């Protein structure tokens, strides 16, 4: 899945995830395929992550796309962002 997504997008999303997790003193390299729920992210963290991704990429994520599957990993979020920015 990642081969079609720009590395810069994956890196930027990884940074947003790291910023959210840093509030819980979780500071480590996050693999793009790592399940975010297993890294200690709460539902509030996921909302913060969604807002951070929207701000980072200057886009609005449609309500229909705000799903656990689309926010399950950095790679999944990158795929969502890639799809949404390609549609613009």
C-alpha atoms as a PDB file:
ATOM      1  CA  UNK A   1       0.000   0.000   0.000  1.00  0.00           C
ATOM      2  CA  UNK A   2       2.794   2.468   0.867  1.00  0.00           C
ATOM      3  CA  UNK A   3       4.528   2.223  -2.488  1.00  0.00           C
ATOM      4  CA  UNK A   4       1.950   4.579  -4.058  1.00  0.00           C
ATOM      5  CA  UNK A   5       1.977   7.119  -1.221  1.00  0.00           C
ATOM      6  CA  UNK A   6       4.636   9.840  -1.075  1.00  0.00           C
ATOM      7  CA  UNK A   7       7.175   9.237   1.683  1.00  0.00           C
ATOM      8  CA  UNK A   8       6.762  12.850   2.775  1.00  0.00           C
ATOM      9  CA  UNK A   9       3.062  12.250   3.524  1.00  0.00           C
ATOM     10  CA  UNK A  10       3.859   9.145   5.576  1.00  0.00           C
ATOM     11  CA  UNK A  11       6.527  11.085   7.469  1.00  0.00           C
ATOM     12  CA  UNK A  12       4.222  14.037   8.166  1.00  0.00           C
ATOM     13  CA  UNK A  13       1.467  11.742   9.442  1.00  0.00           C
ATOM     14  CA  UNK A  14       4.001   9.868  11.563  1.00  0.00           C
ATOM     15  CA  UNK A  15       4.992  13.188  13.123  1.00  0.00           C
ATOM     16  CA  UNK A  16       1.359  14.014  13.957  1.00  0.00           C
ATOM     17  CA  UNK A  17       0.936  10.561  15.547  1.00  0.00           C
ATOM     18  CA  UNK A  18       4.173  11.006  17.514  1.00  0.00           C
ATOM     19  CA  UNK A  19       2.990  14.385  18.805  1.00  0.00           C
ATOM     20  CA  UNK A  20      -0.268  12.861  20.062  1.00  0.00           C
ATOM     21  CA  UNK A  21       1.495   9.882  21.675  1.00  0.00           C
ATOM     22  CA  UNK A  22       4.150  12.094  23.278  1.00  0.00           C
ATOM     23  CA  UNK A  23       1.451  13.415  25.620  1.00  0.00           C
ATOM     24  CA  UNK A  24       1.376   9.902  27.122  1.00  0.00           C
ATOM     25  CA  UNK A  25       5.170   9.742  27.321  1.00  0.00           C
ATOM     26  CA  UNK A  26       5.188   7.279  24.427  1.00  0.00           C
ATOM     27  CA  UNK A  27       8.177   8.334  22.393  1.00  0.00           C
ATOM     28  CA  UNK A  28       9.527   5.880  19.870  1.00  0.00           C
ATOM     29  CA  UNK A  29       9.724   5.249  16.165  1.00  0.00           C
ATOM     30  CA  UNK A  30       6.316   4.274  14.826  1.00  0.00           C
ATOM     31  CA  UNK A  31       6.239   1.779  11.968  1.00  0.00           C
ATOM     32  CA  UNK A  32       3.764   2.818   9.246  1.00  0.00           C
ATOM     33  CA  UNK A  33       1.835  -0.456   9.635  1.00  0.00           C
ATOM     34  CA  UNK A  34       1.748  -0.395  13.474  1.00  0.00           C
ATOM     35  CA  UNK A  35      -1.778  -0.541  14.889  1.00  0.00           C
ATOM     36  CA  UNK A  36      -2.342   2.768  16.644  1.00  0.00           C
ATOM     37  CA  UNK A  37      -4.810   1.297  19.128  1.00  0.00           C
ATOM     38  CA  UNK A  38      -2.077  -0.995  20.422  1.00  0.00           C
ATOM     39  CA  UNK A  39       0.206   1.988  21.006  1.00  0.00           C
ATOM     40  CA  UNK A  40      -2.091   3.362  23.693  1.00  0.00           C
ATOM     41  CA  UNK A  41      -4.157   5.835  21.680  1.00  0.00           C
ATOM     42  CA  UNK A  42      -7.539   6.608  23.221  1.00  0.00           C
ATOM     43  CA  UNK A  43     -10.663   7.749  21.396  1.00  0.00           C
ATOM     44  CA  UNK A  44      -9.855  11.332  22.423  1.00  0.00           C
ATOM     45  CA  UNK A  45      -6.363  10.886  20.974  1.00  0.00           C
ATOM     46  CA  UNK A  46      -7.908   9.666  17.731  1.00  0.00           C
ATOM     47  CA  UNK A  47     -10.026  12.826  17.493  1.00  0.00           C
ATOM     48  CA  UNK A  48      -6.906  14.900  18.133  1.00  0.00           C
ATOM     49  CA  UNK A  49      -5.105  12.873  15.464  1.00  0.00           C
ATOM     50  CA  UNK A  50      -7.889  13.471  12.941  1.00  0.00           C
ATOM     51  CA  UNK A  51      -7.807  17.218  13.630  1.00  0.00           C
ATOM     52  CA  UNK A  52      -4.021  17.218  13.384  1.00  0.00           C
ATOM     53  CA  UNK A  53      -4.101  15.448  10.016  1.00  0.00           C
ATOM     54  CA  UNK A  54      -6.714  17.901   8.742  1.00  0.00           C
ATOM     55  CA  UNK A  55      -4.540  20.836   9.826  1.00  0.00           C
ATOM     56  CA  UNK A  56      -1.297  19.314   8.507  1.00  0.00           C
ATOM     57  CA  UNK A  57      -2.742  18.688   5.041  1.00  0.00           C
ATOM     58  CA  UNK A  58      -5.257  21.581   4.971  1.00  0.00           C
ATOM     59  CA  UNK A  59      -8.204  19.327   4.240  1.00  0.00           C
ATOM     60  CA  UNK A  60     -11.527  18.342   5.744  1.00  0.00           C
ATOM     61  CA  UNK A  61     -12.054  14.636   6.247  1.00  0.00           C
ATOM     62  CA  UNK A  62     -15.648  13.716   5.354  1.00  0.00           C
ATOM     63  CA  UNK A  63     -17.635  12.128   8.179  1.00  0.00           C
ATOM     64  CA  UNK A  64     -18.042   8.935   6.128  1.00  0.00           C
ATOM     65  CA  UNK A  65     -14.238   8.544   6.073  1.00  0.00           C
ATOM     66  CA  UNK A  66     -13.770   8.883   9.826  1.00  0.00           C
ATOM     67  CA  UNK A  67     -13.571   5.170  10.538  1.00  0.00           C
ATOM     68  CA  UNK A  68     -11.394   2.917  12.657  1.00  0.00           C
ATOM     69  CA  UNK A  69     -10.107   1.289   9.485  1.00  0.00           C
ATOM     70  CA  UNK A  70      -8.974   4.612   7.973  1.00  0.00           C
ATOM     71  CA  UNK A  71      -7.237   5.586  11.228  1.00  0.00           C
ATOM     72  CA  UNK A  72      -5.844   2.178  12.190  1.00  0.00           C
ATOM     73  CA  UNK A  73      -2.228   2.978  11.270  1.00  0.00           C
ATOM     74  CA  UNK A  74      -0.008   5.657   9.767  1.00  0.00           C
ATOM     75  CA  UNK A  75      -0.194   3.763   6.463  1.00  0.00           C
ATOM     76  CA  UNK A  76      -4.008   3.716   6.540  1.00  0.00           C
ATOM     77  CA  UNK A  77      -4.154   7.444   7.275  1.00  0.00           C
ATOM     78  CA  UNK A  78      -1.638   8.122   4.492  1.00  0.00           C
ATOM     79  CA  UNK A  79      -3.796   6.159   2.054  1.00  0.00           C
ATOM     80  CA  UNK A  80      -6.837   8.188   3.130  1.00  0.00           C
ATOM     81  CA  UNK A  81      -4.980  11.493   2.734  1.00  0.00           C
ATOM     82  CA  UNK A  82      -3.652  10.397  -0.650  1.00  0.00           C
ATOM     83  CA  UNK A  83      -7.147   9.534  -1.825  1.00  0.00           C
ATOM     84  CA  UNK A  84      -8.654  12.772  -0.504  1.00  0.00           C
ATOM     85  CA  UNK A  85      -5.959  15.012  -1.955  1.00  0.00           C
ATOM     86  CA  UNK A  86      -6.138  13.252  -5.329  1.00  0.00           C
ATOM     87  CA  UNK A  87      -9.875  13.962  -5.443  1.00  0.00           C
ATOM     88  CA  UNK A  88      -9.302  17.724  -5.146  1.00  0.00           C
END
